[in-house]
Amino acid sequence: MPNILIGDDDEELTQLLQEYLHNHDIHCDCVHDGAAVIQRLKAVAHDDSAYDLLVLDIMMPKIDGLSVLRQLPNISDIPVIMLTAKGEEIDRIIGLELGADDYITKPCNPRELLARINAVIKRTNTTTSEHTPLPESRLHLDQNQRVCEIDGVALQVTGTEFDLLVALLKQKGEVVSKAWLSENVLQRELQPFDRSLDVHVSRLRKKLQPFHDEPIKAVRGKGYQLVL
């Protein structure tokens, strides 16, 4: 049974989500401020009971969600789904730039949240038999351990960034459409003005640029091409 943590100061909402997720075989703990999120993650960081995923509200007391995201790399590599207010695109973009894997807007539909949770957990728990071989490249992606290296140097990437690299490497040298990447990696239909995919690719570019001037090329009106 997946084990997740929800950080949201809306206690009524978290109780509703907790009950709904439990009925769909997901164990869920809830805390109601950013400081409690950090404390809980630190407490289980080296424990078998560590969480599989964090659902994190942006607007919380004591420490807000974006500040939690900034501290998270020093605490855990847990995947993160953000809860953001409808229309607050800037918070969503900043959260993705800080390493969140996905987002959902509030008020959220429990069924949609369940789908997002299952999609992220499925990506991070893919079994060996489900992996297809990758072409040779300067990039080495261990799909079992989900570890990324380039020219033998370890590269720290989020779960979503790793999946983007796998998708691009499988079609190395070809232009992969934004719509395909959004649907197959982010597990969501590409919407007009949705910059989520662009933000993930931008983060990857910055991490890869010490090894190549233009590691991922944007082809206007078509998509992205891995050129490493």
C-alpha atoms as a PDB file:
ATOM      1  CA  MET A   1       0.000   0.000   0.000  1.00  0.00           C
ATOM      2  CA  PRO A   2       1.508   3.378  -0.987  1.00  0.00           C
ATOM      3  CA  ASN A   3       2.294   5.675   1.916  1.00  0.00           C
ATOM      4  CA  ILE A   4       1.883   9.405   1.330  1.00  0.00           C
ATOM      5  CA  LEU A   5       2.057  12.625   3.323  1.00  0.00           C
ATOM      6  CA  ILE A   6      -0.299  15.565   2.798  1.00  0.00           C
ATOM      7  CA  GLY A   7       0.699  19.028   4.010  1.00  0.00           C
ATOM      8  CA  ASP A   8      -2.296  21.394   3.980  1.00  0.00           C
ATOM      9  CA  ASP A   9      -3.725  23.738   6.609  1.00  0.00           C
ATOM     10  CA  ASP A  10      -7.311  22.959   5.569  1.00  0.00           C
ATOM     11  CA  GLU A  11      -8.123  20.246   8.114  1.00  0.00           C
ATOM     12  CA  GLU A  12     -11.571  19.561   6.690  1.00  0.00           C
ATOM     13  CA  LEU A  13     -10.121  19.003   3.226  1.00  0.00           C
ATOM     14  CA  THR A  14      -7.299  16.794   4.445  1.00  0.00           C
ATOM     15  CA  GLN A  15      -9.735  14.612   6.390  1.00  0.00           C
ATOM     16  CA  LEU A  16     -11.859  14.198   3.274  1.00  0.00           C
ATOM     17  CA  LEU A  17      -8.815  13.332   1.158  1.00  0.00           C
ATOM     18  CA  GLN A  18      -7.465  10.968   3.792  1.00  0.00           C
ATOM     19  CA  GLU A  19     -10.715   8.990   3.905  1.00  0.00           C
ATOM     20  CA  TYR A  20     -11.044   8.918   0.119  1.00  0.00           C
ATOM     21  CA  LEU A  21      -7.458   7.765  -0.442  1.00  0.00           C
ATOM     22  CA  HIS A  22      -7.721   5.132   2.303  1.00  0.00           C
ATOM     23  CA  ASN A  23     -10.764   3.697   0.498  1.00  0.00           C
ATOM     24  CA  HIS A  24      -8.535   3.361  -2.569  1.00  0.00           C
ATOM     25  CA  ASP A  25      -5.739   1.518  -0.732  1.00  0.00           C
ATOM     26  CA  ILE A  26      -3.444   4.472  -0.099  1.00  0.00           C
ATOM     27  CA  HIS A  27      -2.242   5.169   3.440  1.00  0.00           C
ATOM     28  CA  CYS A  28      -2.196   8.882   4.135  1.00  0.00           C
ATOM     29  CA  ASP A  29      -0.811  10.996   7.000  1.00  0.00           C
ATOM     30  CA  CYS A  30      -1.730  14.668   7.257  1.00  0.00           C
ATOM     31  CA  VAL A  31       0.035  17.676   8.796  1.00  0.00           C
ATOM     32  CA  HIS A  32      -1.132  21.272   8.697  1.00  0.00           C
ATOM     33  CA  ASP A  33       1.870  23.587   8.391  1.00  0.00           C
ATOM     34  CA  GLY A  34       5.167  23.660   6.560  1.00  0.00           C
ATOM     35  CA  ALA A  35       7.288  23.189   9.669  1.00  0.00           C
ATOM     36  CA  ALA A  36       5.406  19.976  10.460  1.00  0.00           C
ATOM     37  CA  VAL A  37       6.000  18.728   6.902  1.00  0.00           C
ATOM     38  CA  ILE A  38       9.754  19.191   7.291  1.00  0.00           C
ATOM     39  CA  GLN A  39       9.770  17.646  10.750  1.00  0.00           C
ATOM     40  CA  ARG A  40       7.829  14.585   9.586  1.00  0.00           C
ATOM     41  CA  LEU A  41      10.040  14.028   6.528  1.00  0.00           C
ATOM     42  CA  LYS A  42      13.193  14.315   8.623  1.00  0.00           C
ATOM     43  CA  ALA A  43      11.811  11.822  11.123  1.00  0.00           C
ATOM     44  CA  VAL A  44      11.339   9.110   8.473  1.00  0.00           C
ATOM     45  CA  ALA A  45      14.231  10.033   6.151  1.00  0.00           C
ATOM     46  CA  HIS A  46      16.223   6.860   6.952  1.00  0.00           C
ATOM     47  CA  ASP A  47      13.300   4.672   7.918  1.00  0.00           C
ATOM     48  CA  ASP A  48      11.480   1.861   6.147  1.00  0.00           C
ATOM     49  CA  SER A  49       8.292   3.849   6.738  1.00  0.00           C
ATOM     50  CA  ALA A  50       9.486   6.719   4.516  1.00  0.00           C
ATOM     51  CA  TYR A  51       6.776   8.251   2.372  1.00  0.00           C
ATOM     52  CA  ASP A  52       6.344   7.457  -1.313  1.00  0.00           C
ATOM     53  CA  LEU A  53       4.996  10.897  -2.191  1.00  0.00           C
ATOM     54  CA  LEU A  54       4.262  14.339  -0.730  1.00  0.00           C
ATOM     55  CA  VAL A  55       1.139  16.338  -1.554  1.00  0.00           C
ATOM     56  CA  LEU A  56       2.033  19.905  -0.620  1.00  0.00           C
ATOM     57  CA  ASP A  57      -0.163  22.997  -0.378  1.00  0.00           C
ATOM     58  CA  ILE A  58       1.581  26.228  -1.380  1.00  0.00           C
ATOM     59  CA  MET A  59      -0.183  28.485   1.126  1.00  0.00           C
ATOM     60  CA  MET A  60       0.515  27.198   4.657  1.00  0.00           C
ATOM     61  CA  PRO A  61       1.337  28.791   8.027  1.00  0.00           C
ATOM     62  CA  LYS A  62       4.791  28.876   9.681  1.00  0.00           C
ATOM     63  CA  ILE A  63       6.625  27.792   6.512  1.00  0.00           C
ATOM     64  CA  ASP A  64       4.908  28.076   3.133  1.00  0.00           C
ATOM     65  CA  GLY A  65       5.005  25.325   0.554  1.00  0.00           C
ATOM     66  CA  LEU A  66       7.540  27.011  -1.724  1.00  0.00           C
ATOM     67  CA  SER A  67       9.951  27.390   1.200  1.00  0.00           C
ATOM     68  CA  VAL A  68       9.464  23.698   1.991  1.00  0.00           C
ATOM     69  CA  LEU A  69      10.367  22.871  -1.626  1.00  0.00           C
ATOM     70  CA  ARG A  70      13.547  24.939  -1.332  1.00  0.00           C
ATOM     71  CA  GLN A  71      14.624  22.918   1.726  1.00  0.00           C
ATOM     72  CA  LEU A  72      13.513  19.541   0.416  1.00  0.00           C
ATOM     73  CA  PRO A  73      16.678  18.529  -1.528  1.00  0.00           C
ATOM     74  CA  ASN A  74      18.607  18.518   1.763  1.00  0.00           C
ATOM     75  CA  ILE A  75      16.012  16.285   3.408  1.00  0.00           C
ATOM     76  CA  SER A  76      14.509  13.858   0.905  1.00  0.00           C
ATOM     77  CA  ASP A  77      14.190  12.994  -2.790  1.00  0.00           C
ATOM     78  CA  ILE A  78      10.474  12.341  -2.360  1.00  0.00           C
ATOM     79  CA  PRO A  79       8.241  13.131  -5.384  1.00  0.00           C
ATOM     80  CA  VAL A  80       5.981  16.155  -4.841  1.00  0.00           C
ATOM     81  CA  ILE A  81       2.528  17.086  -6.108  1.00  0.00           C
ATOM     82  CA  MET A  82       1.658  20.723  -5.406  1.00  0.00           C
ATOM     83  CA  LEU A  83      -1.769  21.991  -4.433  1.00  0.00           C
ATOM     84  CA  THR A  84      -2.167  25.497  -5.867  1.00  0.00           C
ATOM     85  CA  ALA A  85      -5.018  28.002  -5.952  1.00  0.00           C
ATOM     86  CA  LYS A  86      -6.820  28.204  -9.276  1.00  0.00           C
ATOM     87  CA  GLY A  87      -5.331  30.943 -11.409  1.00  0.00           C
ATOM     88  CA  GLU A  88      -2.086  31.238  -9.395  1.00  0.00           C
ATOM     89  CA  GLU A  89       0.126  30.310 -12.331  1.00  0.00           C
ATOM     90  CA  ILE A  90       3.212  32.022 -10.922  1.00  0.00           C
ATOM     91  CA  ASP A  91       3.153  29.797  -7.816  1.00  0.00           C
ATOM     92  CA  ARG A  92       2.807  26.742 -10.033  1.00  0.00           C
ATOM     93  CA  ILE A  93       5.749  27.758 -12.213  1.00  0.00           C
ATOM     94  CA  ILE A  94       7.967  28.565  -9.219  1.00  0.00           C
ATOM     95  CA  GLY A  95       7.038  25.255  -7.609  1.00  0.00           C
ATOM     96  CA  LEU A  96       7.976  23.324 -10.743  1.00  0.00           C
ATOM     97  CA  GLU A  97      11.213  25.312 -11.018  1.00  0.00           C
ATOM     98  CA  LEU A  98      11.983  24.282  -7.433  1.00  0.00           C
ATOM     99  CA  GLY A  99      11.578  20.615  -8.329  1.00  0.00           C
ATOM    100  CA  ALA A 100       7.923  19.667  -7.828  1.00  0.00           C
ATOM    101  CA  ASP A 101       6.875  16.790 -10.086  1.00  0.00           C
ATOM    102  CA  ASP A 102       3.263  17.732 -10.710  1.00  0.00           C
ATOM    103  CA  TYR A 103       0.455  20.006  -9.571  1.00  0.00           C
ATOM    104  CA  ILE A 104      -3.283  20.097  -9.066  1.00  0.00           C
ATOM    105  CA  THR A 105      -5.428  23.186  -8.543  1.00  0.00           C
ATOM    106  CA  LYS A 106      -7.726  23.765  -5.567  1.00  0.00           C
ATOM    107  CA  PRO A 107     -10.477  23.102  -4.856  1.00  0.00           C
ATOM    108  CA  CYS A 108      -9.294  19.678  -5.966  1.00  0.00           C
ATOM    109  CA  ASN A 109     -11.385  16.729  -6.996  1.00  0.00           C
ATOM    110  CA  PRO A 110     -10.298  13.702  -4.901  1.00  0.00           C
ATOM    111  CA  ARG A 111     -10.605  11.480  -7.962  1.00  0.00           C
ATOM    112  CA  GLU A 112      -8.239  13.707  -9.953  1.00  0.00           C
ATOM    113  CA  LEU A 113      -5.764  13.790  -7.065  1.00  0.00           C
ATOM    114  CA  LEU A 114      -5.889   9.988  -6.868  1.00  0.00           C
ATOM    115  CA  ALA A 115      -5.098   9.782 -10.589  1.00  0.00           C
ATOM    116  CA  ARG A 116      -2.144  12.190 -10.181  1.00  0.00           C
ATOM    117  CA  ILE A 117      -0.831  10.222  -7.180  1.00  0.00           C
ATOM    118  CA  ASN A 118      -1.083   6.894  -9.010  1.00  0.00           C
ATOM    119  CA  ALA A 119       0.620   8.328 -12.108  1.00  0.00           C
ATOM    120  CA  VAL A 120       3.616   9.683 -10.162  1.00  0.00           C
ATOM    121  CA  ILE A 121       3.995   6.535  -8.036  1.00  0.00           C
ATOM    122  CA  LYS A 122       3.729   4.304 -11.110  1.00  0.00           C
ATOM    123  CA  ARG A 123       6.510   6.241 -12.835  1.00  0.00           C
ATOM    124  CA  THR A 124       8.830   5.922  -9.858  1.00  0.00           C
ATOM    125  CA  ASN A 125       8.059   2.228  -9.174  1.00  0.00           C
ATOM    126  CA  THR A 126       8.319   0.737 -12.668  1.00  0.00           C
ATOM    127  CA  THR A 127       9.692  -2.805 -12.504  1.00  0.00           C
ATOM    128  CA  THR A 128      12.759  -4.017 -14.386  1.00  0.00           C
ATOM    129  CA  SER A 129      10.707  -6.105 -16.829  1.00  0.00           C
ATOM    130  CA  GLU A 130       8.809  -2.999 -17.940  1.00  0.00           C
ATOM    131  CA  HIS A 131      11.930  -1.128 -19.060  1.00  0.00           C
ATOM    132  CA  THR A 132      13.002  -1.040 -22.696  1.00  0.00           C
ATOM    133  CA  PRO A 133      16.703  -0.730 -23.608  1.00  0.00           C
ATOM    134  CA  LEU A 134      18.021   2.772 -24.250  1.00  0.00           C
ATOM    135  CA  PRO A 135      20.366   3.755 -27.097  1.00  0.00           C
ATOM    136  CA  GLU A 136      24.017   4.478 -26.373  1.00  0.00           C
ATOM    137  CA  SER A 137      24.707   8.037 -25.318  1.00  0.00           C
ATOM    138  CA  ARG A 138      26.875  10.204 -23.116  1.00  0.00           C
ATOM    139  CA  LEU A 139      23.907   9.934 -20.790  1.00  0.00           C
ATOM    140  CA  HIS A 140      23.596   6.794 -18.692  1.00  0.00           C
ATOM    141  CA  LEU A 141      20.142   6.316 -17.190  1.00  0.00           C
ATOM    142  CA  ASP A 142      19.770   3.435 -14.734  1.00  0.00           C
ATOM    143  CA  GLN A 143      16.043   2.810 -14.984  1.00  0.00           C
ATOM    144  CA  ASN A 144      16.018   0.443 -11.999  1.00  0.00           C
ATOM    145  CA  GLN A 145      17.776   2.722  -9.523  1.00  0.00           C
ATOM    146  CA  ARG A 146      16.576   5.852 -11.353  1.00  0.00           C
ATOM    147  CA  VAL A 147      20.080   7.279 -11.355  1.00  0.00           C
ATOM    148  CA  CYS A 148      21.399   9.618 -14.047  1.00  0.00           C
ATOM    149  CA  GLU A 149      25.036  10.057 -15.105  1.00  0.00           C
ATOM    150  CA  ILE A 150      26.666  11.985 -17.925  1.00  0.00           C
ATOM    151  CA  ASP A 151      30.272  11.233 -18.857  1.00  0.00           C
ATOM    152  CA  GLY A 152      30.453   9.299 -15.589  1.00  0.00           C
ATOM    153  CA  VAL A 153      29.367  12.285 -13.480  1.00  0.00           C
ATOM    154  CA  ALA A 154      26.262  11.856 -11.337  1.00  0.00           C
ATOM    155  CA  LEU A 155      23.466  14.284 -12.143  1.00  0.00           C
ATOM    156  CA  GLN A 156      20.787  15.120  -9.586  1.00  0.00           C
ATOM    157  CA  VAL A 157      17.395  15.118 -11.281  1.00  0.00           C
ATOM    158  CA  THR A 158      13.811  14.891 -10.079  1.00  0.00           C
ATOM    159  CA  GLY A 159      11.618  11.926 -10.927  1.00  0.00           C
ATOM    160  CA  THR A 160       9.844  13.846 -13.676  1.00  0.00           C
ATOM    161  CA  GLU A 161      13.141  15.096 -15.140  1.00  0.00           C
ATOM    162  CA  PHE A 162      14.431  11.515 -15.192  1.00  0.00           C
ATOM    163  CA  ASP A 163      11.334  10.346 -17.070  1.00  0.00           C
ATOM    164  CA  LEU A 164      11.705  13.195 -19.559  1.00  0.00           C
ATOM    165  CA  LEU A 165      15.298  12.176 -20.232  1.00  0.00           C
ATOM    166  CA  VAL A 166      14.244   8.551 -20.775  1.00  0.00           C
ATOM    167  CA  ALA A 167      11.521   9.635 -23.207  1.00  0.00           C
ATOM    168  CA  LEU A 168      13.877  11.931 -25.151  1.00  0.00           C
ATOM    169  CA  LEU A 169      16.731   9.421 -25.182  1.00  0.00           C
ATOM    170  CA  LYS A 170      14.485   6.682 -26.562  1.00  0.00           C
ATOM    171  CA  GLN A 171      13.928   8.982 -29.554  1.00  0.00           C
ATOM    172  CA  LYS A 172      17.389  10.520 -29.580  1.00  0.00           C
ATOM    173  CA  GLY A 173      17.948  12.844 -32.524  1.00  0.00           C
ATOM    174  CA  GLU A 174      14.249  13.049 -33.290  1.00  0.00           C
ATOM    175  CA  VAL A 175      11.916  15.899 -32.444  1.00  0.00           C
ATOM    176  CA  VAL A 176       9.433  14.733 -29.794  1.00  0.00           C
ATOM    177  CA  SER A 177       6.224  16.729 -29.708  1.00  0.00           C
ATOM    178  CA  LYS A 178       5.186  18.626 -26.596  1.00  0.00           C
ATOM    179  CA  ALA A 179       1.777  16.972 -26.726  1.00  0.00           C
ATOM    180  CA  TRP A 180       3.326  13.496 -26.672  1.00  0.00           C
ATOM    181  CA  LEU A 181       5.703  14.352 -23.830  1.00  0.00           C
ATOM    182  CA  SER A 182       2.917  15.922 -21.787  1.00  0.00           C
ATOM    183  CA  GLU A 183       0.611  12.944 -22.214  1.00  0.00           C
ATOM    184  CA  ASN A 184       3.241  10.213 -21.777  1.00  0.00           C
ATOM    185  CA  VAL A 185       5.518  11.745 -19.156  1.00  0.00           C
ATOM    186  CA  LEU A 186       3.405  14.247 -17.244  1.00  0.00           C
ATOM    187  CA  GLN A 187       0.291  12.114 -17.722  1.00  0.00           C
ATOM    188  CA  ARG A 188      -1.828  15.118 -18.621  1.00  0.00           C
ATOM    189  CA  GLU A 189      -3.196  16.501 -21.872  1.00  0.00           C
ATOM    190  CA  LEU A 190      -1.284  19.547 -23.075  1.00  0.00           C
ATOM    191  CA  GLN A 191      -3.349  22.672 -22.486  1.00  0.00           C
ATOM    192  CA  PRO A 192      -2.955  26.128 -24.047  1.00  0.00           C
ATOM    193  CA  PHE A 193      -0.689  28.376 -21.949  1.00  0.00           C
ATOM    194  CA  ASP A 194       0.362  25.455 -19.692  1.00  0.00           C
ATOM    195  CA  ARG A 195       4.111  25.911 -19.178  1.00  0.00           C
ATOM    196  CA  SER A 196       4.663  22.876 -16.946  1.00  0.00           C
ATOM    197  CA  LEU A 197       6.556  20.878 -19.569  1.00  0.00           C
ATOM    198  CA  ASP A 198       8.654  23.905 -20.570  1.00  0.00           C
ATOM    199  CA  VAL A 199       9.666  24.472 -16.942  1.00  0.00           C
ATOM    200  CA  HIS A 200      10.784  20.845 -16.499  1.00  0.00           C
ATOM    201  CA  VAL A 201      12.797  21.004 -19.740  1.00  0.00           C
ATOM    202  CA  SER A 202      14.342  24.336 -18.727  1.00  0.00           C
ATOM    203  CA  ARG A 203      15.555  22.809 -15.440  1.00  0.00           C
ATOM    204  CA  LEU A 204      17.059  19.883 -17.319  1.00  0.00           C
ATOM    205  CA  ARG A 205      18.840  22.185 -19.766  1.00  0.00           C
ATOM    206  CA  LYS A 206      20.516  24.074 -16.923  1.00  0.00           C
ATOM    207  CA  LYS A 207      21.748  20.827 -15.384  1.00  0.00           C
ATOM    208  CA  LEU A 208      23.077  19.503 -18.700  1.00  0.00           C
ATOM    209  CA  GLN A 209      24.626  22.721 -20.056  1.00  0.00           C
ATOM    210  CA  PRO A 210      28.000  22.232 -18.294  1.00  0.00           C
ATOM    211  CA  PHE A 211      28.398  19.223 -20.629  1.00  0.00           C
ATOM    212  CA  HIS A 212      26.870  20.648 -23.827  1.00  0.00           C
ATOM    213  CA  ASP A 213      25.942  24.158 -24.973  1.00  0.00           C
ATOM    214  CA  GLU A 214      22.509  23.124 -26.233  1.00  0.00           C
ATOM    215  CA  PRO A 215      21.688  19.665 -24.822  1.00  0.00           C
ATOM    216  CA  ILE A 216      17.955  19.866 -25.553  1.00  0.00           C
ATOM    217  CA  LYS A 217      16.935  21.817 -28.628  1.00  0.00           C
ATOM    218  CA  ALA A 218      13.528  23.476 -28.850  1.00  0.00           C
ATOM    219  CA  VAL A 219      12.094  23.163 -32.354  1.00  0.00           C
ATOM    220  CA  ARG A 220       9.544  25.937 -32.709  1.00  0.00           C
ATOM    221  CA  GLY A 221       6.008  24.693 -33.172  1.00  0.00           C
ATOM    222  CA  LYS A 222       7.074  21.037 -32.963  1.00  0.00           C
ATOM    223  CA  GLY A 223       8.721  19.996 -29.700  1.00  0.00           C
ATOM    224  CA  TYR A 224      12.064  19.060 -28.160  1.00  0.00           C
ATOM    225  CA  GLN A 225      15.097  17.186 -29.445  1.00  0.00           C
ATOM    226  CA  LEU A 226      17.860  15.622 -27.326  1.00  0.00           C
ATOM    227  CA  VAL A 227      21.188  16.295 -29.057  1.00  0.00           C
ATOM    228  CA  LEU A 228      23.679  15.003 -26.467  1.00  0.00           C
END
